[in-house]
Amino acid sequence: MTEPIRSITLPPSKNPQQEGEWLRENLLRWLDTEFIPEAVNQIIAQRAGQIFVRQRMEGENDLGSLVIAIVTEMQAFDFSKSFYGEFAIANAVSDLLLESLGIDKCCGE
């Protein structure tokens, strides 16, 4: 029988604004290096950071729930001037958070 994937819980947030700024900076760096730097990348990173901060301030610590919130809310964003979409952004946020926790994003360990 297959084992369900364990949920990943972030430590409770002590400073959501600082976490959001860290996420914005690192996501922007990822966006700019993955393809080419674009002005819209700053807006995308800012928006994803805002969603993340709000979720953390509301007490959300589950990584899966954070990712779903980012996908859901970024669907309203106009990605027509970008190489990216809401799923790429949410996955990048997940990868950045996993790296910050020392979790191998490839194999979940």
PDB file of N, CA and C in Angstrom:
ATOM      1  N   MET A   1       0.845  -1.179   0.000  1.00  0.00           N
ATOM      2  CA  MET A   1       0.000   0.000   0.000  1.00  0.00           C
ATOM      3  C   MET A   1       0.892   1.244   0.000  1.00  0.00           C
ATOM      4  N   THR A   2       0.509   2.219  -0.764  1.00  0.00           N
ATOM      5  CA  THR A   2       1.287   3.449  -0.872  1.00  0.00           C
ATOM      6  C   THR A   2       1.061   4.350   0.334  1.00  0.00           C
ATOM      7  N   GLU A   3       2.140   4.965   0.759  1.00  0.00           N
ATOM      8  CA  GLU A   3       2.067   5.896   1.884  1.00  0.00           C
ATOM      9  C   GLU A   3       1.674   7.278   1.370  1.00  0.00           C
ATOM     10  N   PRO A   4       0.765   7.964   2.078  1.00  0.00           N
ATOM     11  CA  PRO A   4       0.444   9.334   1.669  1.00  0.00           C
ATOM     12  C   PRO A   4       1.656  10.240   1.903  1.00  0.00           C
ATOM     13  N   ILE A   5       1.738  11.290   1.131  1.00  0.00           N
ATOM     14  CA  ILE A   5       2.825  12.254   1.285  1.00  0.00           C
ATOM     15  C   ILE A   5       2.596  13.035   2.567  1.00  0.00           C
ATOM     16  N   ARG A   6       3.633  13.092   3.395  1.00  0.00           N
ATOM     17  CA  ARG A   6       3.532  13.841   4.638  1.00  0.00           C
ATOM     18  C   ARG A   6       3.364  15.328   4.340  1.00  0.00           C
ATOM     19  N   SER A   7       2.559  15.972   5.142  1.00  0.00           N
ATOM     20  CA  SER A   7       2.446  17.414   4.983  1.00  0.00           C
ATOM     21  C   SER A   7       3.691  18.055   5.582  1.00  0.00           C
ATOM     22  N   ILE A   8       4.020  19.209   5.065  1.00  0.00           N
ATOM     23  CA  ILE A   8       5.172  19.954   5.555  1.00  0.00           C
ATOM     24  C   ILE A   8       4.647  21.195   6.248  1.00  0.00           C
ATOM     25  N   THR A   9       5.030  21.331   7.494  1.00  0.00           N
ATOM     26  CA  THR A   9       4.558  22.442   8.302  1.00  0.00           C
ATOM     27  C   THR A   9       5.713  23.400   8.557  1.00  0.00           C
ATOM     28  N   LEU A  10       5.496  24.659   8.236  1.00  0.00           N
ATOM     29  CA  LEU A  10       6.484  25.687   8.523  1.00  0.00           C
ATOM     30  C   LEU A  10       6.425  26.030  10.011  1.00  0.00           C
ATOM     31  N   PRO A  11       7.537  26.458  10.573  1.00  0.00           N
ATOM     32  CA  PRO A  11       7.485  26.908  11.959  1.00  0.00           C
ATOM     33  C   PRO A  11       6.542  28.111  12.061  1.00  0.00           C
ATOM     34  N   PRO A  12       5.911  28.291  13.206  1.00  0.00           N
ATOM     35  CA  PRO A  12       5.048  29.473  13.358  1.00  0.00           C
ATOM     36  C   PRO A  12       5.829  30.741  13.028  1.00  0.00           C
ATOM     37  N   SER A  13       5.154  31.669  12.398  1.00  0.00           N
ATOM     38  CA  SER A  13       5.801  32.899  11.956  1.00  0.00           C
ATOM     39  C   SER A  13       6.005  33.859  13.122  1.00  0.00           C
ATOM     40  N   LYS A  14       7.235  34.308  13.279  1.00  0.00           N
ATOM     41  CA  LYS A  14       7.545  35.318  14.288  1.00  0.00           C
ATOM     42  C   LYS A  14       7.490  36.711  13.693  1.00  0.00           C
ATOM     43  N   ASN A  15       7.769  36.799  12.384  1.00  0.00           N
ATOM     44  CA  ASN A  15       7.777  38.095  11.714  1.00  0.00           C
ATOM     45  C   ASN A  15       7.333  37.891  10.260  1.00  0.00           C
ATOM     46  N   PRO A  16       6.016  37.843  10.003  1.00  0.00           N
ATOM     47  CA  PRO A  16       5.522  37.587   8.646  1.00  0.00           C
ATOM     48  C   PRO A  16       6.018  38.596   7.613  1.00  0.00           C
ATOM     49  N   GLN A  17       6.158  39.851   8.008  1.00  0.00           N
ATOM     50  CA  GLN A  17       6.627  40.871   7.053  1.00  0.00           C
ATOM     51  C   GLN A  17       8.057  40.580   6.606  1.00  0.00           C
ATOM     52  N   GLN A  18       8.904  40.195   7.540  1.00  0.00           N
ATOM     53  CA  GLN A  18      10.285  39.872   7.207  1.00  0.00           C
ATOM     54  C   GLN A  18      10.344  38.618   6.326  1.00  0.00           C
ATOM     55  N   GLU A  19       9.529  37.620   6.646  1.00  0.00           N
ATOM     56  CA  GLU A  19       9.460  36.409   5.820  1.00  0.00           C
ATOM     57  C   GLU A  19       9.002  36.760   4.406  1.00  0.00           C
ATOM     58  N   GLY A  20       8.001  37.634   4.323  1.00  0.00           N
ATOM     59  CA  GLY A  20       7.480  38.038   3.020  1.00  0.00           C
ATOM     60  C   GLY A  20       8.517  38.773   2.195  1.00  0.00           C
ATOM     61  N   GLU A  21       9.317  39.605   2.848  1.00  0.00           N
ATOM     62  CA  GLU A  21      10.381  40.327   2.142  1.00  0.00           C
ATOM     63  C   GLU A  21      11.447  39.351   1.660  1.00  0.00           C
ATOM     64  N   TRP A  22      11.795  38.377   2.511  1.00  0.00           N
ATOM     65  CA  TRP A  22      12.751  37.342   2.101  1.00  0.00           C
ATOM     66  C   TRP A  22      12.221  36.589   0.881  1.00  0.00           C
ATOM     67  N   LEU A  23      10.938  36.223   0.941  1.00  0.00           N
ATOM     68  CA  LEU A  23      10.343  35.488  -0.167  1.00  0.00           C
ATOM     69  C   LEU A  23      10.330  36.339  -1.432  1.00  0.00           C
ATOM     70  N   ARG A  24       9.935  37.595  -1.319  1.00  0.00           N
ATOM     71  CA  ARG A  24       9.892  38.483  -2.482  1.00  0.00           C
ATOM     72  C   ARG A  24      11.270  38.584  -3.133  1.00  0.00           C
ATOM     73  N   GLU A  25      12.300  38.818  -2.335  1.00  0.00           N
ATOM     74  CA  GLU A  25      13.661  38.952  -2.874  1.00  0.00           C
ATOM     75  C   GLU A  25      14.127  37.671  -3.557  1.00  0.00           C
ATOM     76  N   ASN A  26      13.910  36.542  -2.908  1.00  0.00           N
ATOM     77  CA  ASN A  26      14.373  35.277  -3.468  1.00  0.00           C
ATOM     78  C   ASN A  26      13.559  34.840  -4.675  1.00  0.00           C
ATOM     79  N   LEU A  27      12.256  35.103  -4.649  1.00  0.00           N
ATOM     80  CA  LEU A  27      11.429  34.775  -5.806  1.00  0.00           C
ATOM     81  C   LEU A  27      11.811  35.650  -6.992  1.00  0.00           C
ATOM     82  N   LEU A  28      12.048  36.928  -6.751  1.00  0.00           N
ATOM     83  CA  LEU A  28      12.470  37.823  -7.833  1.00  0.00           C
ATOM     84  C   LEU A  28      13.794  37.354  -8.429  1.00  0.00           C
ATOM     85  N   ARG A  29      14.729  36.959  -7.578  1.00  0.00           N
ATOM     86  CA  ARG A  29      16.009  36.450  -8.069  1.00  0.00           C
ATOM     87  C   ARG A  29      15.782  35.202  -8.932  1.00  0.00           C
ATOM     88  N   TRP A  30      14.911  34.314  -8.469  1.00  0.00           N
ATOM     89  CA  TRP A  30      14.619  33.093  -9.233  1.00  0.00           C
ATOM     90  C   TRP A  30      13.968  33.442 -10.571  1.00  0.00           C
ATOM     91  N   LEU A  31      12.985  34.338 -10.544  1.00  0.00           N
ATOM     92  CA  LEU A  31      12.302  34.729 -11.779  1.00  0.00           C
ATOM     93  C   LEU A  31      13.277  35.318 -12.788  1.00  0.00           C
ATOM     94  N   ASP A  32      14.165  36.184 -12.307  1.00  0.00           N
ATOM     95  CA  ASP A  32      15.103  36.866 -13.199  1.00  0.00           C
ATOM     96  C   ASP A  32      16.185  35.945 -13.747  1.00  0.00           C
ATOM     97  N   THR A  33      16.505  34.874 -13.033  1.00  0.00           N
ATOM     98  CA  THR A  33      17.552  33.979 -13.528  1.00  0.00           C
ATOM     99  C   THR A  33      16.992  32.796 -14.310  1.00  0.00           C
ATOM    100  N   GLU A  34      15.744  32.457 -14.079  1.00  0.00           N
ATOM    101  CA  GLU A  34      15.155  31.298 -14.766  1.00  0.00           C
ATOM    102  C   GLU A  34      14.996  31.566 -16.272  1.00  0.00           C
ATOM    103  N   PHE A  35      14.557  32.765 -16.632  1.00  0.00           N
ATOM    104  CA  PHE A  35      14.485  33.161 -18.040  1.00  0.00           C
ATOM    105  C   PHE A  35      15.285  34.444 -18.195  1.00  0.00           C
ATOM    106  N   ILE A  36      14.608  35.546 -18.441  1.00  0.00           N
ATOM    107  CA  ILE A  36      15.292  36.830 -18.536  1.00  0.00           C
ATOM    108  C   ILE A  36      14.635  37.804 -17.562  1.00  0.00           C
ATOM    109  N   PRO A  37      15.414  38.759 -17.047  1.00  0.00           N
ATOM    110  CA  PRO A  37      14.809  39.749 -16.156  1.00  0.00           C
ATOM    111  C   PRO A  37      13.750  40.556 -16.906  1.00  0.00           C
ATOM    112  N   GLU A  38      12.589  40.680 -16.308  1.00  0.00           N
ATOM    113  CA  GLU A  38      11.498  41.462 -16.877  1.00  0.00           C
ATOM    114  C   GLU A  38      10.924  42.343 -15.776  1.00  0.00           C
ATOM    115  N   ALA A  39      10.419  43.510 -16.136  1.00  0.00           N
ATOM    116  CA  ALA A  39       9.830  44.418 -15.154  1.00  0.00           C
ATOM    117  C   ALA A  39       8.665  43.761 -14.420  1.00  0.00           C
ATOM    118  N   VAL A  40       7.899  42.944 -15.111  1.00  0.00           N
ATOM    119  CA  VAL A  40       6.734  42.298 -14.501  1.00  0.00           C
ATOM    120  C   VAL A  40       7.129  41.335 -13.379  1.00  0.00           C
ATOM    121  N   ASN A  41       8.374  40.856 -13.404  1.00  0.00           N
ATOM    122  CA  ASN A  41       8.825  39.940 -12.354  1.00  0.00           C
ATOM    123  C   ASN A  41       8.749  40.585 -10.974  1.00  0.00           C
ATOM    124  N   GLN A  42       9.038  41.866 -10.904  1.00  0.00           N
ATOM    125  CA  GLN A  42       8.958  42.574  -9.621  1.00  0.00           C
ATOM    126  C   GLN A  42       7.527  42.579  -9.094  1.00  0.00           C
ATOM    127  N   ILE A  43       6.585  42.785  -9.990  1.00  0.00           N
ATOM    128  CA  ILE A  43       5.173  42.814  -9.601  1.00  0.00           C
ATOM    129  C   ILE A  43       4.717  41.430  -9.163  1.00  0.00           C
ATOM    130  N   ILE A  44       5.128  40.411  -9.902  1.00  0.00           N
ATOM    131  CA  ILE A  44       4.775  39.033  -9.563  1.00  0.00           C
ATOM    132  C   ILE A  44       5.324  38.673  -8.183  1.00  0.00           C
ATOM    133  N   ALA A  45       6.597  38.974  -7.947  1.00  0.00           N
ATOM    134  CA  ALA A  45       7.221  38.642  -6.665  1.00  0.00           C
ATOM    135  C   ALA A  45       6.548  39.409  -5.523  1.00  0.00           C
ATOM    136  N   GLN A  46       6.217  40.665  -5.771  1.00  0.00           N
ATOM    137  CA  GLN A  46       5.542  41.471  -4.749  1.00  0.00           C
ATOM    138  C   GLN A  46       4.180  40.876  -4.403  1.00  0.00           C
ATOM    139  N   ARG A  47       3.421  40.506  -5.430  1.00  0.00           N
ATOM    140  CA  ARG A  47       2.078  39.948  -5.215  1.00  0.00           C
ATOM    141  C   ARG A  47       2.153  38.614  -4.467  1.00  0.00           C
ATOM    142  N   ALA A  48       3.048  37.734  -4.892  1.00  0.00           N
ATOM    143  CA  ALA A  48       3.197  36.442  -4.211  1.00  0.00           C
ATOM    144  C   ALA A  48       3.606  36.657  -2.755  1.00  0.00           C
ATOM    145  N   GLY A  49       4.487  37.618  -2.514  1.00  0.00           N
ATOM    146  CA  GLY A  49       4.899  37.932  -1.150  1.00  0.00           C
ATOM    147  C   GLY A  49       3.740  38.428  -0.302  1.00  0.00           C
ATOM    148  N   GLN A  50       2.882  39.253  -0.890  1.00  0.00           N
ATOM    149  CA  GLN A  50       1.715  39.764  -0.156  1.00  0.00           C
ATOM    150  C   GLN A  50       0.770  38.633   0.229  1.00  0.00           C
ATOM    151  N   ILE A  51       0.532  37.731  -0.701  1.00  0.00           N
ATOM    152  CA  ILE A  51      -0.342  36.586  -0.423  1.00  0.00           C
ATOM    153  C   ILE A  51       0.254  35.756   0.706  1.00  0.00           C
ATOM    154  N   PHE A  52       1.546  35.487   0.600  1.00  0.00           N
ATOM    155  CA  PHE A  52       2.235  34.690   1.608  1.00  0.00           C
ATOM    156  C   PHE A  52       2.137  35.349   2.988  1.00  0.00           C
ATOM    157  N   VAL A  53       2.404  36.649   3.066  1.00  0.00           N
ATOM    158  CA  VAL A  53       2.358  37.359   4.352  1.00  0.00           C
ATOM    159  C   VAL A  53       0.955  37.284   4.956  1.00  0.00           C
ATOM    160  N   ARG A  54      -0.048  37.534   4.139  1.00  0.00           N
ATOM    161  CA  ARG A  54      -1.421  37.488   4.656  1.00  0.00           C
ATOM    162  C   ARG A  54      -1.765  36.100   5.187  1.00  0.00           C
ATOM    163  N   GLN A  55      -1.391  35.076   4.450  1.00  0.00           N
ATOM    164  CA  GLN A  55      -1.661  33.710   4.882  1.00  0.00           C
ATOM    165  C   GLN A  55      -0.945  33.404   6.195  1.00  0.00           C
ATOM    166  N   ARG A  56       0.308  33.819   6.299  1.00  0.00           N
ATOM    167  CA  ARG A  56       1.078  33.569   7.522  1.00  0.00           C
ATOM    168  C   ARG A  56       0.492  34.353   8.698  1.00  0.00           C
ATOM    169  N   MET A  57       0.044  35.587   8.452  1.00  0.00           N
ATOM    170  CA  MET A  57      -0.554  36.387   9.522  1.00  0.00           C
ATOM    171  C   MET A  57      -1.866  35.771   9.999  1.00  0.00           C
ATOM    172  N   GLU A  58      -2.530  35.033   9.107  1.00  0.00           N
ATOM    173  CA  GLU A  58      -3.762  34.345   9.477  1.00  0.00           C
ATOM    174  C   GLU A  58      -3.481  33.008  10.158  1.00  0.00           C
ATOM    175  N   GLY A  59      -2.190  32.687  10.333  1.00  0.00           N
ATOM    176  CA  GLY A  59      -1.820  31.481  11.055  1.00  0.00           C
ATOM    177  C   GLY A  59      -1.583  30.252  10.194  1.00  0.00           C
ATOM    178  N   GLU A  60      -1.524  30.425   8.878  1.00  0.00           N
ATOM    179  CA  GLU A  60      -1.306  29.273   8.001  1.00  0.00           C
ATOM    180  C   GLU A  60       0.151  28.844   8.058  1.00  0.00           C
ATOM    181  N   ASN A  61       0.383  27.590   8.413  1.00  0.00           N
ATOM    182  CA  ASN A  61       1.728  27.033   8.496  1.00  0.00           C
ATOM    183  C   ASN A  61       1.938  25.841   7.561  1.00  0.00           C
ATOM    184  N   ASP A  62       0.863  25.340   6.971  1.00  0.00           N
ATOM    185  CA  ASP A  62       0.950  24.168   6.097  1.00  0.00           C
ATOM    186  C   ASP A  62       1.418  24.597   4.709  1.00  0.00           C
ATOM    187  N   LEU A  63       2.523  24.032   4.250  1.00  0.00           N
ATOM    188  CA  LEU A  63       3.091  24.423   2.956  1.00  0.00           C
ATOM    189  C   LEU A  63       2.117  24.170   1.812  1.00  0.00           C
ATOM    190  N   GLY A  64       1.433  23.039   1.828  1.00  0.00           N
ATOM    191  CA  GLY A  64       0.472  22.733   0.767  1.00  0.00           C
ATOM    192  C   GLY A  64      -0.641  23.767   0.688  1.00  0.00           C
ATOM    193  N   SER A  65      -1.142  24.183   1.835  1.00  0.00           N
ATOM    194  CA  SER A  65      -2.200  25.195   1.859  1.00  0.00           C
ATOM    195  C   SER A  65      -1.689  26.546   1.368  1.00  0.00           C
ATOM    196  N   LEU A  66      -0.447  26.874   1.709  1.00  0.00           N
ATOM    197  CA  LEU A  66       0.144  28.120   1.221  1.00  0.00           C
ATOM    198  C   LEU A  66       0.274  28.102  -0.301  1.00  0.00           C
ATOM    199  N   VAL A  67       0.707  26.987  -0.835  1.00  0.00           N
ATOM    200  CA  VAL A  67       0.867  26.851  -2.283  1.00  0.00           C
ATOM    201  C   VAL A  67      -0.490  26.982  -2.979  1.00  0.00           C
ATOM    202  N   ILE A  68      -1.506  26.329  -2.445  1.00  0.00           N
ATOM    203  CA  ILE A  68      -2.843  26.414  -3.040  1.00  0.00           C
ATOM    204  C   ILE A  68      -3.370  27.848  -2.981  1.00  0.00           C
ATOM    205  N   ALA A  69      -3.119  28.538  -1.882  1.00  0.00           N
ATOM    206  CA  ALA A  69      -3.555  29.938  -1.764  1.00  0.00           C
ATOM    207  C   ALA A  69      -2.876  30.800  -2.824  1.00  0.00           C
ATOM    208  N   ILE A  70      -1.588  30.570  -3.053  1.00  0.00           N
ATOM    209  CA  ILE A  70      -0.867  31.359  -4.059  1.00  0.00           C
ATOM    210  C   ILE A  70      -1.397  31.053  -5.452  1.00  0.00           C
ATOM    211  N   VAL A  71      -1.609  29.776  -5.767  1.00  0.00           N
ATOM    212  CA  VAL A  71      -2.175  29.420  -7.077  1.00  0.00           C
ATOM    213  C   VAL A  71      -3.532  30.085  -7.259  1.00  0.00           C
ATOM    214  N   THR A  72      -4.380  29.955  -6.267  1.00  0.00           N
ATOM    215  CA  THR A  72      -5.744  30.478  -6.358  1.00  0.00           C
ATOM    216  C   THR A  72      -5.761  31.985  -6.542  1.00  0.00           C
ATOM    217  N   GLU A  73      -5.001  32.691  -5.715  1.00  0.00           N
ATOM    218  CA  GLU A  73      -5.035  34.149  -5.790  1.00  0.00           C
ATOM    219  C   GLU A  73      -4.270  34.702  -6.981  1.00  0.00           C
ATOM    220  N   MET A  74      -3.248  33.996  -7.432  1.00  0.00           N
ATOM    221  CA  MET A  74      -2.494  34.468  -8.597  1.00  0.00           C
ATOM    222  C   MET A  74      -3.251  34.218  -9.907  1.00  0.00           C
ATOM    223  N   GLN A  75      -4.334  33.444  -9.867  1.00  0.00           N
ATOM    224  CA  GLN A  75      -5.124  33.246 -11.084  1.00  0.00           C
ATOM    225  C   GLN A  75      -5.719  34.556 -11.581  1.00  0.00           C
ATOM    226  N   ALA A  76      -5.913  35.506 -10.684  1.00  0.00           N
ATOM    227  CA  ALA A  76      -6.462  36.807 -11.072  1.00  0.00           C
ATOM    228  C   ALA A  76      -5.385  37.725 -11.656  1.00  0.00           C
ATOM    229  N   PHE A  77      -4.126  37.327 -11.572  1.00  0.00           N
ATOM    230  CA  PHE A  77      -3.031  38.155 -12.074  1.00  0.00           C
ATOM    231  C   PHE A  77      -2.918  38.002 -13.585  1.00  0.00           C
ATOM    232  N   ASP A  78      -2.608  39.087 -14.286  1.00  0.00           N
ATOM    233  CA  ASP A  78      -2.440  39.063 -15.739  1.00  0.00           C
ATOM    234  C   ASP A  78      -1.001  38.657 -16.067  1.00  0.00           C
ATOM    235  N   PHE A  79      -0.811  37.427 -16.460  1.00  0.00           N
ATOM    236  CA  PHE A  79       0.514  36.909 -16.794  1.00  0.00           C
ATOM    237  C   PHE A  79       0.848  37.086 -18.278  1.00  0.00           C
ATOM    238  N   SER A  80       0.077  37.868 -19.014  1.00  0.00           N
ATOM    239  CA  SER A  80       0.289  37.991 -20.458  1.00  0.00           C
ATOM    240  C   SER A  80       1.644  38.601 -20.819  1.00  0.00           C
ATOM    241  N   LYS A  81       2.274  39.329 -19.897  1.00  0.00           N
ATOM    242  CA  LYS A  81       3.579  39.937 -20.169  1.00  0.00           C
ATOM    243  C   LYS A  81       4.705  39.160 -19.494  1.00  0.00           C
ATOM    244  N   SER A  82       4.446  37.900 -19.211  1.00  0.00           N
ATOM    245  CA  SER A  82       5.420  37.098 -18.478  1.00  0.00           C
ATOM    246  C   SER A  82       5.548  35.715 -19.106  1.00  0.00           C
ATOM    247  N   PHE A  83       6.684  35.082 -18.837  1.00  0.00           N
ATOM    248  CA  PHE A  83       6.873  33.689 -19.241  1.00  0.00           C
ATOM    249  C   PHE A  83       6.189  32.742 -18.275  1.00  0.00           C
ATOM    250  N   TYR A  84       5.795  33.252 -17.125  1.00  0.00           N
ATOM    251  CA  TYR A  84       5.309  32.428 -16.028  1.00  0.00           C
ATOM    252  C   TYR A  84       3.792  32.407 -15.934  1.00  0.00           C
ATOM    253  N   GLY A  85       3.292  31.530 -15.074  1.00  0.00           N
ATOM    254  CA  GLY A  85       1.886  31.439 -14.727  1.00  0.00           C
ATOM    255  C   GLY A  85       1.771  31.151 -13.248  1.00  0.00           C
ATOM    256  N   GLU A  86       0.541  31.073 -12.760  1.00  0.00           N
ATOM    257  CA  GLU A  86       0.333  30.913 -11.320  1.00  0.00           C
ATOM    258  C   GLU A  86       0.927  29.621 -10.763  1.00  0.00           C
ATOM    259  N   PHE A  87       0.924  28.550 -11.549  1.00  0.00           N
ATOM    260  CA  PHE A  87       1.474  27.288 -11.050  1.00  0.00           C
ATOM    261  C   PHE A  87       2.998  27.352 -10.940  1.00  0.00           C
ATOM    262  N   ALA A  88       3.641  27.972 -11.907  1.00  0.00           N
ATOM    263  CA  ALA A  88       5.096  28.125 -11.841  1.00  0.00           C
ATOM    264  C   ALA A  88       5.504  28.963 -10.632  1.00  0.00           C
ATOM    265  N   ILE A  89       4.737  29.998 -10.345  1.00  0.00           N
ATOM    266  CA  ILE A  89       5.041  30.861  -9.205  1.00  0.00           C
ATOM    267  C   ILE A  89       4.855  30.085  -7.901  1.00  0.00           C
ATOM    268  N   ALA A  90       3.742  29.398  -7.764  1.00  0.00           N
ATOM    269  CA  ALA A  90       3.475  28.634  -6.541  1.00  0.00           C
ATOM    270  C   ALA A  90       4.526  27.544  -6.342  1.00  0.00           C
ATOM    271  N   ASN A  91       4.913  26.872  -7.414  1.00  0.00           N
ATOM    272  CA  ASN A  91       5.943  25.830  -7.306  1.00  0.00           C
ATOM    273  C   ASN A  91       7.288  26.425  -6.914  1.00  0.00           C
ATOM    274  N   ALA A  92       7.618  27.597  -7.465  1.00  0.00           N
ATOM    275  CA  ALA A  92       8.878  28.258  -7.108  1.00  0.00           C
ATOM    276  C   ALA A  92       8.870  28.651  -5.634  1.00  0.00           C
ATOM    277  N   VAL A  93       7.746  29.181  -5.155  1.00  0.00           N
ATOM    278  CA  VAL A  93       7.627  29.534  -3.735  1.00  0.00           C
ATOM    279  C   VAL A  93       7.832  28.287  -2.880  1.00  0.00           C
ATOM    280  N   SER A  94       7.201  27.200  -3.260  1.00  0.00           N
ATOM    281  CA  SER A  94       7.347  25.948  -2.524  1.00  0.00           C
ATOM    282  C   SER A  94       8.810  25.511  -2.490  1.00  0.00           C
ATOM    283  N   ASP A  95       9.473  25.539  -3.632  1.00  0.00           N
ATOM    284  CA  ASP A  95      10.882  25.148  -3.697  1.00  0.00           C
ATOM    285  C   ASP A  95      11.753  26.032  -2.811  1.00  0.00           C
ATOM    286  N   LEU A  96      11.523  27.339  -2.849  1.00  0.00           N
ATOM    287  CA  LEU A  96      12.300  28.270  -2.031  1.00  0.00           C
ATOM    288  C   LEU A  96      12.098  27.992  -0.544  1.00  0.00           C
ATOM    289  N   LEU A  97      10.857  27.745  -0.155  1.00  0.00           N
ATOM    290  CA  LEU A  97      10.569  27.458   1.251  1.00  0.00           C
ATOM    291  C   LEU A  97      11.175  26.129   1.685  1.00  0.00           C
ATOM    292  N   LEU A  98      11.091  25.121   0.820  1.00  0.00           N
ATOM    293  CA  LEU A  98      11.702  23.828   1.144  1.00  0.00           C
ATOM    294  C   LEU A  98      13.208  23.968   1.320  1.00  0.00           C
ATOM    295  N   GLU A  99      13.842  24.703   0.412  1.00  0.00           N
ATOM    296  CA  GLU A  99      15.284  24.931   0.533  1.00  0.00           C
ATOM    297  C   GLU A  99      15.609  25.626   1.847  1.00  0.00           C
ATOM    298  N   SER A 100      14.796  26.608   2.223  1.00  0.00           N
ATOM    299  CA  SER A 100      15.059  27.343   3.463  1.00  0.00           C
ATOM    300  C   SER A 100      14.931  26.449   4.693  1.00  0.00           C
ATOM    301  N   LEU A 101      14.143  25.384   4.586  1.00  0.00           N
ATOM    302  CA  LEU A 101      13.968  24.433   5.679  1.00  0.00           C
ATOM    303  C   LEU A 101      14.985  23.291   5.632  1.00  0.00           C
ATOM    304  N   GLY A 102      15.806  23.272   4.575  1.00  0.00           N
ATOM    305  CA  GLY A 102      16.788  22.202   4.421  1.00  0.00           C
ATOM    306  C   GLY A 102      16.198  20.901   3.930  1.00  0.00           C
ATOM    307  N   ILE A 103      15.056  20.977   3.251  1.00  0.00           N
ATOM    308  CA  ILE A 103      14.381  19.791   2.723  1.00  0.00           C
ATOM    309  C   ILE A 103      14.694  19.666   1.239  1.00  0.00           C
ATOM    310  N   ASP A 104      15.128  18.482   0.834  1.00  0.00           N
ATOM    311  CA  ASP A 104      15.424  18.221  -0.570  1.00  0.00           C
ATOM    312  C   ASP A 104      14.124  18.267  -1.362  1.00  0.00           C
ATOM    313  N   LYS A 105      14.008  19.224  -2.250  1.00  0.00           N
ATOM    314  CA  LYS A 105      12.771  19.392  -3.011  1.00  0.00           C
ATOM    315  C   LYS A 105      12.550  18.287  -4.035  1.00  0.00           C
ATOM    316  N   CYS A 106      13.593  17.559  -4.345  1.00  0.00           N
ATOM    317  CA  CYS A 106      13.464  16.462  -5.307  1.00  0.00           C
ATOM    318  C   CYS A 106      12.760  15.252  -4.695  1.00  0.00           C
ATOM    319  N   CYS A 107      13.192  14.884  -3.527  1.00  0.00           N
ATOM    320  CA  CYS A 107      12.725  13.628  -2.972  1.00  0.00           C
ATOM    321  C   CYS A 107      11.971  13.772  -1.658  1.00  0.00           C
ATOM    322  N   GLY A 108      11.806  14.975  -1.192  1.00  0.00           N
ATOM    323  CA  GLY A 108      11.030  15.209   0.015  1.00  0.00           C
ATOM    324  C   GLY A 108      11.716  14.849   1.321  1.00  0.00           C
ATOM    325  N   GLU A 109      12.983  14.655   1.289  1.00  0.00           N
ATOM    326  CA  GLU A 109      13.720  14.309   2.525  1.00  0.00           C
ATOM    327  C   GLU A 109      14.760  15.358   2.820  1.00  0.00           C
TER     328      GLU A 109
END
